[in-house]
Amino acid sequence: MPAHFADRLLAAIAKKGSPCCVGLDPRLDWLPNTLQSRLRLRPTAQSAASALVEFHERILKRIAPLVPAVKPQLAFFEQLGAPGIEAYEHLVRAAQALGLLVIADAKRGDIGPTAEAYARAFFGPLEIQRTRIDICAADALTVNPFFGSDGVRPFLDAARAQRAGLFLLVRTSNPSSAEFQAHPAHSIALSDLIADRVHEWGSADIGEEGYSSVGAVVGATHPKLLADLRKRMPRALFLLPGYGAQGGKAEDVVGAFDERGAGGLIVAARSVNFAYRAADGSESADWEGAIEAATARMVTDVRRALAARPS
């Protein structure tokens, strides 16, 4: 049985010296020219999926020494149908073989048997006629808690059984998140209410390092909220998207970390995935090197910000 998810993630962060995660959001129209040329010759879902496999195989080898985790966005794979799902599963296996933790960014949510099926799809186990079928299991999954306890419980049970992790949406990084998430409910913001439930849901599954397998998605674009949300969720790992292309900066997210400098995982996607693309659409000859360099810059930036934060 693998170790508790939070312990595994914190150990991986310590090993790399980097609380950074690369989001894998493979836009087909932004892939390198060498891959685009093949798609022009054979514009099919299968060839597009093959391009994603090659793209990620080459990225993963470059970033694996630098970061502890990757976060594939399922939509970019699911749009290709069955070939895209196969490409996603190939990515998961390739990343885990390189020692990376995989956070499936699917933002699933439902109730009852449907939620159970979603959880099995990402964590397993799957049984057909009493025969266990191995699936390509992620290490963690993003979940939309909108359905409340009825929707969250099946994911909690499945994750706990498989020693996996969850990251529940609390305050997302997009500009219009305030339309609902900052709206007062019971005299506090809705995101604060969800944060309190995340703390409650996660309190029964704490690892040796003091963190729960139930974490929270909190945008790096909301620096003024992070310290308060950390107080509300002292045992939750924070998944912090929005660094880079969405405007989040390393110094903006230090409030998400505890006094040891632990508890957060900062995510960059577009600014790393497509670091080889210039504003005019041109690209550098060494696209793999550009991605590696962008990842290294992020790691250095985050390390400096954490080192400079007030004690």
C-alpha atoms as a PDB file:
ATOM      1  CA  MET A   1       0.000   0.000   0.000  1.00  0.00           C
ATOM      2  CA  PRO A   2       1.502   3.382  -0.985  1.00  0.00           C
ATOM      3  CA  ALA A   3       2.103   6.039   1.622  1.00  0.00           C
ATOM      4  CA  HIS A   4      -0.485   8.668   2.507  1.00  0.00           C
ATOM      5  CA  PHE A   5      -0.948  11.058  -0.426  1.00  0.00           C
ATOM      6  CA  ALA A   6      -0.008  14.211   1.486  1.00  0.00           C
ATOM      7  CA  ASP A   7       3.156  12.564   2.800  1.00  0.00           C
ATOM      8  CA  ARG A   8       4.089  11.403  -0.701  1.00  0.00           C
ATOM      9  CA  LEU A   9       3.586  14.860  -2.164  1.00  0.00           C
ATOM     10  CA  LEU A  10       5.489  16.628   0.612  1.00  0.00           C
ATOM     11  CA  ALA A  11       8.352  14.131   0.294  1.00  0.00           C
ATOM     12  CA  ALA A  12       8.485  14.708  -3.460  1.00  0.00           C
ATOM     13  CA  ILE A  13       8.519  18.479  -2.931  1.00  0.00           C
ATOM     14  CA  ALA A  14      11.364  18.157  -0.424  1.00  0.00           C
ATOM     15  CA  LYS A  15      13.338  15.884  -2.742  1.00  0.00           C
ATOM     16  CA  LYS A  16      13.116  18.352  -5.639  1.00  0.00           C
ATOM     17  CA  GLY A  17      13.357  21.414  -3.397  1.00  0.00           C
ATOM     18  CA  SER A  18      10.509  22.808  -5.439  1.00  0.00           C
ATOM     19  CA  PRO A  19       6.809  23.274  -4.512  1.00  0.00           C
ATOM     20  CA  CYS A  20       6.030  23.693  -8.208  1.00  0.00           C
ATOM     21  CA  CYS A  21       3.752  21.793 -10.563  1.00  0.00           C
ATOM     22  CA  VAL A  22       3.556  21.971 -14.347  1.00  0.00           C
ATOM     23  CA  GLY A  23       0.027  22.022 -15.689  1.00  0.00           C
ATOM     24  CA  LEU A  24      -0.220  20.121 -18.956  1.00  0.00           C
ATOM     25  CA  ASP A  25      -2.752  21.932 -21.137  1.00  0.00           C
ATOM     26  CA  PRO A  26      -1.845  20.793 -24.673  1.00  0.00           C
ATOM     27  CA  ARG A  27      -3.573  23.113 -27.138  1.00  0.00           C
ATOM     28  CA  LEU A  28      -3.323  21.454 -30.538  1.00  0.00           C
ATOM     29  CA  ASP A  29      -2.988  24.756 -32.403  1.00  0.00           C
ATOM     30  CA  TRP A  30      -0.016  25.746 -30.240  1.00  0.00           C
ATOM     31  CA  LEU A  31       2.027  22.567 -30.528  1.00  0.00           C
ATOM     32  CA  PRO A  32       5.534  22.934 -31.986  1.00  0.00           C
ATOM     33  CA  ASN A  33       5.814  23.298 -35.746  1.00  0.00           C
ATOM     34  CA  THR A  34       7.388  19.864 -36.141  1.00  0.00           C
ATOM     35  CA  LEU A  35       4.240  18.290 -34.710  1.00  0.00           C
ATOM     36  CA  GLN A  36       1.885  20.704 -36.465  1.00  0.00           C
ATOM     37  CA  SER A  37       3.306  19.715 -39.846  1.00  0.00           C
ATOM     38  CA  ARG A  38       2.362  16.090 -39.236  1.00  0.00           C
ATOM     39  CA  LEU A  39      -1.165  17.074 -38.282  1.00  0.00           C
ATOM     40  CA  ARG A  40      -1.565  19.030 -41.495  1.00  0.00           C
ATOM     41  CA  LEU A  41      -0.662  15.893 -43.461  1.00  0.00           C
ATOM     42  CA  ARG A  42      -3.008  13.667 -41.444  1.00  0.00           C
ATOM     43  CA  PRO A  43      -5.644  15.704 -39.556  1.00  0.00           C
ATOM     44  CA  THR A  44      -7.301  12.942 -37.529  1.00  0.00           C
ATOM     45  CA  ALA A  45      -8.032  12.406 -33.848  1.00  0.00           C
ATOM     46  CA  GLN A  46      -5.578   9.510 -33.787  1.00  0.00           C
ATOM     47  CA  SER A  47      -2.725  11.543 -35.247  1.00  0.00           C
ATOM     48  CA  ALA A  48      -3.505  14.403 -32.863  1.00  0.00           C
ATOM     49  CA  ALA A  49      -3.377  11.980 -29.929  1.00  0.00           C
ATOM     50  CA  SER A  50      -0.041  10.638 -31.190  1.00  0.00           C
ATOM     51  CA  ALA A  51       1.248  14.211 -31.309  1.00  0.00           C
ATOM     52  CA  LEU A  52       0.185  14.718 -27.684  1.00  0.00           C
ATOM     53  CA  VAL A  53       1.981  11.539 -26.657  1.00  0.00           C
ATOM     54  CA  GLU A  54       5.234  12.663 -28.272  1.00  0.00           C
ATOM     55  CA  PHE A  55       4.874  16.217 -26.954  1.00  0.00           C
ATOM     56  CA  HIS A  56       4.459  15.024 -23.384  1.00  0.00           C
ATOM     57  CA  GLU A  57       7.076  12.307 -23.514  1.00  0.00           C
ATOM     58  CA  ARG A  58       9.627  14.924 -24.470  1.00  0.00           C
ATOM     59  CA  ILE A  59       8.387  17.511 -21.954  1.00  0.00           C
ATOM     60  CA  LEU A  60       8.301  15.080 -19.041  1.00  0.00           C
ATOM     61  CA  LYS A  61      11.932  14.043 -19.471  1.00  0.00           C
ATOM     62  CA  ARG A  62      12.986  17.695 -19.269  1.00  0.00           C
ATOM     63  CA  ILE A  63      10.870  18.765 -16.287  1.00  0.00           C
ATOM     64  CA  ALA A  64      10.988  15.598 -14.150  1.00  0.00           C
ATOM     65  CA  PRO A  65      14.281  16.581 -12.456  1.00  0.00           C
ATOM     66  CA  LEU A  66      12.834  19.991 -11.546  1.00  0.00           C
ATOM     67  CA  VAL A  67       9.300  19.517 -10.213  1.00  0.00           C
ATOM     68  CA  PRO A  68       7.486  16.931  -8.083  1.00  0.00           C
ATOM     69  CA  ALA A  69       4.161  16.823  -9.941  1.00  0.00           C
ATOM     70  CA  VAL A  70       2.261  17.473 -13.144  1.00  0.00           C
ATOM     71  CA  LYS A  71      -1.388  18.379 -13.639  1.00  0.00           C
ATOM     72  CA  PRO A  72      -2.896  17.259 -16.956  1.00  0.00           C
ATOM     73  CA  GLN A  73      -6.105  19.046 -17.909  1.00  0.00           C
ATOM     74  CA  LEU A  74      -8.515  16.333 -19.089  1.00  0.00           C
ATOM     75  CA  ALA A  75     -10.481  18.526 -21.489  1.00  0.00           C
ATOM     76  CA  PHE A  76      -7.585  18.737 -23.941  1.00  0.00           C
ATOM     77  CA  PHE A  77      -7.495  14.931 -24.102  1.00  0.00           C
ATOM     78  CA  GLU A  78     -11.214  14.178 -23.937  1.00  0.00           C
ATOM     79  CA  GLN A  79     -11.943  16.370 -26.951  1.00  0.00           C
ATOM     80  CA  LEU A  80     -10.166  13.733 -29.079  1.00  0.00           C
ATOM     81  CA  GLY A  81     -12.422  10.897 -27.919  1.00  0.00           C
ATOM     82  CA  ALA A  82     -10.958   7.449 -27.296  1.00  0.00           C
ATOM     83  CA  PRO A  83      -7.525   8.278 -28.805  1.00  0.00           C
ATOM     84  CA  GLY A  84      -7.288  11.254 -26.457  1.00  0.00           C
ATOM     85  CA  ILE A  85      -8.075   9.146 -23.399  1.00  0.00           C
ATOM     86  CA  GLU A  86      -5.370   6.703 -24.471  1.00  0.00           C
ATOM     87  CA  ALA A  87      -2.942   9.625 -24.784  1.00  0.00           C
ATOM     88  CA  TYR A  88      -3.876  10.779 -21.262  1.00  0.00           C
ATOM     89  CA  GLU A  89      -3.295   7.309 -19.841  1.00  0.00           C
ATOM     90  CA  HIS A  90       0.061   7.134 -21.620  1.00  0.00           C
ATOM     91  CA  LEU A  91       0.987  10.470 -20.037  1.00  0.00           C
ATOM     92  CA  VAL A  92       0.023   9.258 -16.551  1.00  0.00           C
ATOM     93  CA  ARG A  93       2.135   6.123 -16.842  1.00  0.00           C
ATOM     94  CA  ALA A  94       5.095   7.989 -18.348  1.00  0.00           C
ATOM     95  CA  ALA A  95       5.004  10.665 -15.636  1.00  0.00           C
ATOM     96  CA  GLN A  96       4.752   8.179 -12.794  1.00  0.00           C
ATOM     97  CA  ALA A  97       7.585   6.110 -14.278  1.00  0.00           C
ATOM     98  CA  LEU A  98       9.731   9.245 -13.986  1.00  0.00           C
ATOM     99  CA  GLY A  99       8.788   9.657 -10.322  1.00  0.00           C
ATOM    100  CA  LEU A 100       6.258  12.444 -10.864  1.00  0.00           C
ATOM    101  CA  LEU A 101       2.924  12.589  -9.059  1.00  0.00           C
ATOM    102  CA  VAL A 102      -0.047  13.103 -11.364  1.00  0.00           C
ATOM    103  CA  ILE A 103      -2.962  15.356 -10.408  1.00  0.00           C
ATOM    104  CA  ALA A 104      -5.816  14.761 -12.846  1.00  0.00           C
ATOM    105  CA  ASP A 105      -7.478  18.123 -13.419  1.00  0.00           C
ATOM    106  CA  ALA A 106     -10.993  16.995 -14.303  1.00  0.00           C
ATOM    107  CA  LYS A 107     -13.088  18.967 -11.778  1.00  0.00           C
ATOM    108  CA  ARG A 108     -15.552  16.100 -11.513  1.00  0.00           C
ATOM    109  CA  GLY A 109     -18.710  16.326  -9.456  1.00  0.00           C
ATOM    110  CA  ASP A 110     -21.993  14.449  -9.089  1.00  0.00           C
ATOM    111  CA  ILE A 111     -23.833  12.292  -6.568  1.00  0.00           C
ATOM    112  CA  GLY A 112     -24.420   8.637  -5.789  1.00  0.00           C
ATOM    113  CA  PRO A 113     -23.418   5.961  -8.287  1.00  0.00           C
ATOM    114  CA  THR A 114     -22.328   8.593 -10.829  1.00  0.00           C
ATOM    115  CA  ALA A 115     -19.822  10.110  -8.410  1.00  0.00           C
ATOM    116  CA  GLU A 116     -18.648   6.617  -7.489  1.00  0.00           C
ATOM    117  CA  ALA A 117     -18.088   5.850 -11.179  1.00  0.00           C
ATOM    118  CA  TYR A 118     -16.127   9.069 -11.653  1.00  0.00           C
ATOM    119  CA  ALA A 119     -13.952   8.174  -8.675  1.00  0.00           C
ATOM    120  CA  ARG A 120     -13.340   4.647  -9.979  1.00  0.00           C
ATOM    121  CA  ALA A 121     -12.427   6.061 -13.384  1.00  0.00           C
ATOM    122  CA  PHE A 122      -9.506   7.962 -11.865  1.00  0.00           C
ATOM    123  CA  PHE A 123      -8.547   5.840  -8.851  1.00  0.00           C
ATOM    124  CA  GLY A 124     -10.017   2.363  -9.332  1.00  0.00           C
ATOM    125  CA  PRO A 125     -10.518  -0.365  -8.447  1.00  0.00           C
ATOM    126  CA  LEU A 126     -12.719  -1.574 -11.295  1.00  0.00           C
ATOM    127  CA  GLU A 127     -14.316  -5.001 -11.088  1.00  0.00           C
ATOM    128  CA  ILE A 128     -16.219  -6.722 -13.889  1.00  0.00           C
ATOM    129  CA  GLN A 129     -17.876 -10.042 -13.088  1.00  0.00           C
ATOM    130  CA  ARG A 130     -15.676 -10.347  -9.972  1.00  0.00           C
ATOM    131  CA  THR A 131     -12.580  -9.824 -12.069  1.00  0.00           C
ATOM    132  CA  ARG A 132     -10.331  -6.930 -11.063  1.00  0.00           C
ATOM    133  CA  ILE A 133      -9.359  -4.716 -13.993  1.00  0.00           C
ATOM    134  CA  ASP A 134      -6.263  -2.578 -13.614  1.00  0.00           C
ATOM    135  CA  ILE A 135      -6.800   1.051 -14.549  1.00  0.00           C
ATOM    136  CA  CYS A 136      -4.432   3.928 -15.096  1.00  0.00           C
ATOM    137  CA  ALA A 137      -4.790   5.592 -11.688  1.00  0.00           C
ATOM    138  CA  ALA A 138      -3.900   9.208 -10.983  1.00  0.00           C
ATOM    139  CA  ASP A 139      -2.380  10.240  -7.651  1.00  0.00           C
ATOM    140  CA  ALA A 140      -4.986  12.954  -7.081  1.00  0.00           C
ATOM    141  CA  LEU A 141      -8.079  14.471  -8.667  1.00  0.00           C
ATOM    142  CA  THR A 142      -9.682  17.914  -8.686  1.00  0.00           C
ATOM    143  CA  VAL A 143     -13.332  17.840  -7.570  1.00  0.00           C
ATOM    144  CA  ASN A 144     -16.176  20.350  -7.722  1.00  0.00           C
ATOM    145  CA  PRO A 145     -17.902  20.337  -4.289  1.00  0.00           C
ATOM    146  CA  PHE A 146     -21.067  22.097  -5.515  1.00  0.00           C
ATOM    147  CA  PHE A 147     -23.258  19.058  -4.701  1.00  0.00           C
ATOM    148  CA  GLY A 148     -22.213  19.179  -1.057  1.00  0.00           C
ATOM    149  CA  SER A 149     -21.519  16.157   1.108  1.00  0.00           C
ATOM    150  CA  ASP A 150     -23.582  13.830  -1.096  1.00  0.00           C
ATOM    151  CA  GLY A 151     -21.288  14.617  -3.988  1.00  0.00           C
ATOM    152  CA  VAL A 152     -18.005  14.745  -2.115  1.00  0.00           C
ATOM    153  CA  ARG A 153     -18.373  11.598  -0.002  1.00  0.00           C
ATOM    154  CA  PRO A 154     -17.936   9.059  -2.838  1.00  0.00           C
ATOM    155  CA  PHE A 155     -14.711  10.777  -3.871  1.00  0.00           C
ATOM    156  CA  LEU A 156     -13.506  10.901  -0.264  1.00  0.00           C
ATOM    157  CA  ASP A 157     -14.151   7.201   0.200  1.00  0.00           C
ATOM    158  CA  ALA A 158     -12.469   6.180  -3.048  1.00  0.00           C
ATOM    159  CA  ALA A 159      -9.437   8.399  -2.514  1.00  0.00           C
ATOM    160  CA  ARG A 160      -8.955   7.183   1.029  1.00  0.00           C
ATOM    161  CA  ALA A 161      -9.237   3.525  -0.016  1.00  0.00           C
ATOM    162  CA  GLN A 162      -6.574   3.981  -2.697  1.00  0.00           C
ATOM    163  CA  ARG A 163      -4.337   6.348  -0.676  1.00  0.00           C
ATOM    164  CA  ALA A 164      -4.954   9.046  -3.275  1.00  0.00           C
ATOM    165  CA  GLY A 165      -5.641  12.763  -2.886  1.00  0.00           C
ATOM    166  CA  LEU A 166      -8.391  15.241  -3.683  1.00  0.00           C
ATOM    167  CA  PHE A 167      -8.230  18.961  -4.390  1.00  0.00           C
ATOM    168  CA  LEU A 168     -11.639  20.592  -3.947  1.00  0.00           C
ATOM    169  CA  LEU A 169     -12.429  23.866  -5.662  1.00  0.00           C
ATOM    170  CA  VAL A 170     -12.532  26.614  -3.042  1.00  0.00           C
ATOM    171  CA  ARG A 171     -11.561  29.830  -4.853  1.00  0.00           C
ATOM    172  CA  THR A 172     -10.616  29.441  -8.512  1.00  0.00           C
ATOM    173  CA  SER A 173      -8.110  31.607 -10.340  1.00  0.00           C
ATOM    174  CA  ASN A 174     -10.326  33.035 -13.100  1.00  0.00           C
ATOM    175  CA  PRO A 175     -11.387  36.720 -12.919  1.00  0.00           C
ATOM    176  CA  SER A 176     -15.148  36.026 -12.650  1.00  0.00           C
ATOM    177  CA  SER A 177     -14.748  33.589  -9.757  1.00  0.00           C
ATOM    178  CA  ALA A 178     -16.003  36.318  -7.421  1.00  0.00           C
ATOM    179  CA  GLU A 179     -19.468  36.281  -9.027  1.00  0.00           C
ATOM    180  CA  PHE A 180     -20.388  33.259  -6.907  1.00  0.00           C
ATOM    181  CA  GLN A 181     -17.405  32.341  -4.772  1.00  0.00           C
ATOM    182  CA  ALA A 182     -17.156  35.725  -3.024  1.00  0.00           C
ATOM    183  CA  HIS A 183     -20.924  36.014  -2.583  1.00  0.00           C
ATOM    184  CA  PRO A 184     -21.922  36.082   1.083  1.00  0.00           C
ATOM    185  CA  ALA A 185     -23.642  32.974   2.370  1.00  0.00           C
ATOM    186  CA  HIS A 186     -24.563  32.775   6.069  1.00  0.00           C
ATOM    187  CA  SER A 187     -22.695  36.086   6.529  1.00  0.00           C
ATOM    188  CA  ILE A 188     -19.411  34.741   5.083  1.00  0.00           C
ATOM    189  CA  ALA A 189     -18.163  34.331   1.543  1.00  0.00           C
ATOM    190  CA  LEU A 190     -19.204  31.106  -0.165  1.00  0.00           C
ATOM    191  CA  SER A 191     -15.544  30.204  -0.644  1.00  0.00           C
ATOM    192  CA  ASP A 192     -15.003  30.532   3.123  1.00  0.00           C
ATOM    193  CA  LEU A 193     -17.960  28.247   3.758  1.00  0.00           C
ATOM    194  CA  ILE A 194     -16.509  25.648   1.384  1.00  0.00           C
ATOM    195  CA  ALA A 195     -13.098  26.042   3.022  1.00  0.00           C
ATOM    196  CA  ASP A 196     -14.595  25.210   6.403  1.00  0.00           C
ATOM    197  CA  ARG A 197     -16.142  22.057   4.959  1.00  0.00           C
ATOM    198  CA  VAL A 198     -12.865  21.075   3.292  1.00  0.00           C
ATOM    199  CA  HIS A 199     -11.218  21.287   6.704  1.00  0.00           C
ATOM    200  CA  GLU A 200     -14.001  19.150   8.190  1.00  0.00           C
ATOM    201  CA  TRP A 201     -13.918  16.548   5.385  1.00  0.00           C
ATOM    202  CA  GLY A 202     -10.164  16.224   5.575  1.00  0.00           C
ATOM    203  CA  SER A 203      -9.822  16.019   9.343  1.00  0.00           C
ATOM    204  CA  ALA A 204     -10.264  12.231   9.396  1.00  0.00           C
ATOM    205  CA  ASP A 205      -7.343  11.518   7.075  1.00  0.00           C
ATOM    206  CA  ILE A 206      -4.163  13.225   8.255  1.00  0.00           C
ATOM    207  CA  GLY A 207      -0.715  11.986   7.261  1.00  0.00           C
ATOM    208  CA  GLU A 208       2.425  11.819   9.368  1.00  0.00           C
ATOM    209  CA  GLU A 209       3.494  15.295   8.218  1.00  0.00           C
ATOM    210  CA  GLY A 210       0.275  16.845   9.526  1.00  0.00           C
ATOM    211  CA  TYR A 211      -1.509  17.367   6.221  1.00  0.00           C
ATOM    212  CA  SER A 212      -4.710  15.833   4.925  1.00  0.00           C
ATOM    213  CA  SER A 213      -5.298  13.951   1.686  1.00  0.00           C
ATOM    214  CA  VAL A 214      -8.130  16.435   1.102  1.00  0.00           C
ATOM    215  CA  GLY A 215      -6.704  19.647  -0.306  1.00  0.00           C
ATOM    216  CA  ALA A 216      -8.031  22.854  -1.825  1.00  0.00           C
ATOM    217  CA  VAL A 217      -7.753  24.585  -5.174  1.00  0.00           C
ATOM    218  CA  VAL A 218      -7.062  28.255  -4.479  1.00  0.00           C
ATOM    219  CA  GLY A 219      -6.004  30.620  -7.239  1.00  0.00           C
ATOM    220  CA  ALA A 220      -2.581  32.248  -7.046  1.00  0.00           C
ATOM    221  CA  THR A 221      -4.413  35.312  -8.374  1.00  0.00           C
ATOM    222  CA  HIS A 222      -5.995  35.990  -4.954  1.00  0.00           C
ATOM    223  CA  PRO A 223      -3.006  36.833  -2.747  1.00  0.00           C
ATOM    224  CA  LYS A 224      -5.005  38.779  -0.152  1.00  0.00           C
ATOM    225  CA  LEU A 225      -7.207  35.766   0.584  1.00  0.00           C
ATOM    226  CA  LEU A 226      -4.534  33.131   1.011  1.00  0.00           C
ATOM    227  CA  ALA A 227      -3.520  33.782   4.610  1.00  0.00           C
ATOM    228  CA  ASP A 228      -7.134  33.703   5.784  1.00  0.00           C
ATOM    229  CA  LEU A 229      -7.860  30.517   3.839  1.00  0.00           C
ATOM    230  CA  ARG A 230      -4.730  28.930   5.318  1.00  0.00           C
ATOM    231  CA  LYS A 231      -6.126  29.665   8.794  1.00  0.00           C
ATOM    232  CA  ARG A 232      -9.432  28.084   7.834  1.00  0.00           C
ATOM    233  CA  MET A 233      -7.737  25.028   6.325  1.00  0.00           C
ATOM    234  CA  PRO A 234      -4.531  24.498   8.349  1.00  0.00           C
ATOM    235  CA  ARG A 235      -4.242  20.812   7.310  1.00  0.00           C
ATOM    236  CA  ALA A 236      -5.140  21.184   3.637  1.00  0.00           C
ATOM    237  CA  LEU A 237      -2.592  21.141   0.851  1.00  0.00           C
ATOM    238  CA  PHE A 238      -3.211  24.100  -1.460  1.00  0.00           C
ATOM    239  CA  LEU A 239      -3.109  23.597  -5.214  1.00  0.00           C
ATOM    240  CA  LEU A 240      -2.374  27.092  -6.524  1.00  0.00           C
ATOM    241  CA  PRO A 241      -3.075  27.629 -10.248  1.00  0.00           C
ATOM    242  CA  GLY A 242      -2.714  30.975 -11.945  1.00  0.00           C
ATOM    243  CA  TYR A 243       1.035  31.565 -11.755  1.00  0.00           C
ATOM    244  CA  GLY A 244       2.484  33.025 -14.939  1.00  0.00           C
ATOM    245  CA  ALA A 245       0.041  33.533 -17.801  1.00  0.00           C
ATOM    246  CA  GLN A 246      -2.884  34.418 -15.521  1.00  0.00           C
ATOM    247  CA  GLY A 247      -0.825  37.014 -13.694  1.00  0.00           C
ATOM    248  CA  GLY A 248      -0.022  35.270 -10.433  1.00  0.00           C
ATOM    249  CA  LYS A 249       3.463  35.909  -9.033  1.00  0.00           C
ATOM    250  CA  ALA A 250       5.580  33.860  -6.645  1.00  0.00           C
ATOM    251  CA  GLU A 251       5.486  36.553  -3.973  1.00  0.00           C
ATOM    252  CA  ASP A 252       1.669  36.540  -4.192  1.00  0.00           C
ATOM    253  CA  VAL A 253       1.320  32.983  -2.885  1.00  0.00           C
ATOM    254  CA  VAL A 254       3.637  32.852   0.125  1.00  0.00           C
ATOM    255  CA  GLY A 255       0.600  33.288   2.392  1.00  0.00           C
ATOM    256  CA  ALA A 256      -0.563  29.836   1.355  1.00  0.00           C
ATOM    257  CA  PHE A 257       2.440  28.185   3.023  1.00  0.00           C
ATOM    258  CA  ASP A 258       2.848  27.309   6.685  1.00  0.00           C
ATOM    259  CA  GLU A 259       5.666  28.418   8.981  1.00  0.00           C
ATOM    260  CA  ARG A 260       7.860  25.604   7.632  1.00  0.00           C
ATOM    261  CA  GLY A 261       7.364  26.766   4.046  1.00  0.00           C
ATOM    262  CA  ALA A 262       5.183  23.741   3.299  1.00  0.00           C
ATOM    263  CA  GLY A 263       1.575  23.138   2.321  1.00  0.00           C
ATOM    264  CA  GLY A 264       1.379  24.647  -1.165  1.00  0.00           C
ATOM    265  CA  LEU A 265       1.905  23.501  -4.739  1.00  0.00           C
ATOM    266  CA  ILE A 266       2.124  26.322  -7.293  1.00  0.00           C
ATOM    267  CA  VAL A 267       0.953  25.552 -10.828  1.00  0.00           C
ATOM    268  CA  ALA A 268       2.086  27.068 -14.114  1.00  0.00           C
ATOM    269  CA  ALA A 269       0.657  25.791 -17.387  1.00  0.00           C
ATOM    270  CA  ARG A 270       0.685  28.027 -20.466  1.00  0.00           C
ATOM    271  CA  SER A 271       3.774  29.980 -19.434  1.00  0.00           C
ATOM    272  CA  VAL A 272       5.704  26.692 -19.315  1.00  0.00           C
ATOM    273  CA  ASN A 273       3.960  24.496 -21.900  1.00  0.00           C
ATOM    274  CA  PHE A 274       4.323  27.085 -24.610  1.00  0.00           C
ATOM    275  CA  ALA A 275       7.455  28.928 -23.527  1.00  0.00           C
ATOM    276  CA  TYR A 276       8.842  28.385 -27.040  1.00  0.00           C
ATOM    277  CA  ARG A 277       6.124  30.583 -28.593  1.00  0.00           C
ATOM    278  CA  ALA A 278       6.676  34.301 -29.075  1.00  0.00           C
ATOM    279  CA  ALA A 279       3.832  36.826 -29.063  1.00  0.00           C
ATOM    280  CA  ASP A 280       3.822  36.889 -32.858  1.00  0.00           C
ATOM    281  CA  GLY A 281       3.407  33.113 -33.073  1.00  0.00           C
ATOM    282  CA  SER A 282       7.015  32.359 -33.989  1.00  0.00           C
ATOM    283  CA  GLU A 283       8.871  29.737 -31.992  1.00  0.00           C
ATOM    284  CA  SER A 284      12.384  28.968 -30.858  1.00  0.00           C
ATOM    285  CA  ALA A 285      14.234  26.143 -32.577  1.00  0.00           C
ATOM    286  CA  ASP A 286      14.842  24.294 -29.308  1.00  0.00           C
ATOM    287  CA  TRP A 287      11.285  24.072 -28.000  1.00  0.00           C
ATOM    288  CA  GLU A 288      12.132  21.415 -25.412  1.00  0.00           C
ATOM    289  CA  GLY A 289      14.939  23.573 -24.035  1.00  0.00           C
ATOM    290  CA  ALA A 290      12.597  26.566 -23.823  1.00  0.00           C
ATOM    291  CA  ILE A 291      10.125  24.566 -21.720  1.00  0.00           C
ATOM    292  CA  GLU A 292      12.891  23.297 -19.444  1.00  0.00           C
ATOM    293  CA  ALA A 293      14.277  26.812 -19.013  1.00  0.00           C
ATOM    294  CA  ALA A 294      10.841  28.244 -18.186  1.00  0.00           C
ATOM    295  CA  THR A 295      10.323  25.520 -15.588  1.00  0.00           C
ATOM    296  CA  ALA A 296      13.717  26.238 -14.046  1.00  0.00           C
ATOM    297  CA  ARG A 297      12.913  29.969 -13.883  1.00  0.00           C
ATOM    298  CA  MET A 298       9.664  29.246 -12.094  1.00  0.00           C
ATOM    299  CA  VAL A 299      11.409  27.000  -9.562  1.00  0.00           C
ATOM    300  CA  THR A 300      14.038  29.661  -8.871  1.00  0.00           C
ATOM    301  CA  ASP A 301      11.401  32.389  -8.609  1.00  0.00           C
ATOM    302  CA  VAL A 302       9.340  30.418  -6.093  1.00  0.00           C
ATOM    303  CA  ARG A 303      12.380  29.460  -4.009  1.00  0.00           C
ATOM    304  CA  ARG A 304      13.421  33.099  -3.753  1.00  0.00           C
ATOM    305  CA  ALA A 305       9.954  34.248  -2.777  1.00  0.00           C
ATOM    306  CA  LEU A 306       9.659  31.643  -0.027  1.00  0.00           C
ATOM    307  CA  ALA A 307      13.140  32.421   1.264  1.00  0.00           C
ATOM    308  CA  ALA A 308      12.348  36.150   1.403  1.00  0.00           C
ATOM    309  CA  ARG A 309       8.999  35.890   3.177  1.00  0.00           C
ATOM    310  CA  PRO A 310       8.744  37.287   6.713  1.00  0.00           C
ATOM    311  CA  SER A 311       9.470  34.692   9.411  1.00  0.00           C
END
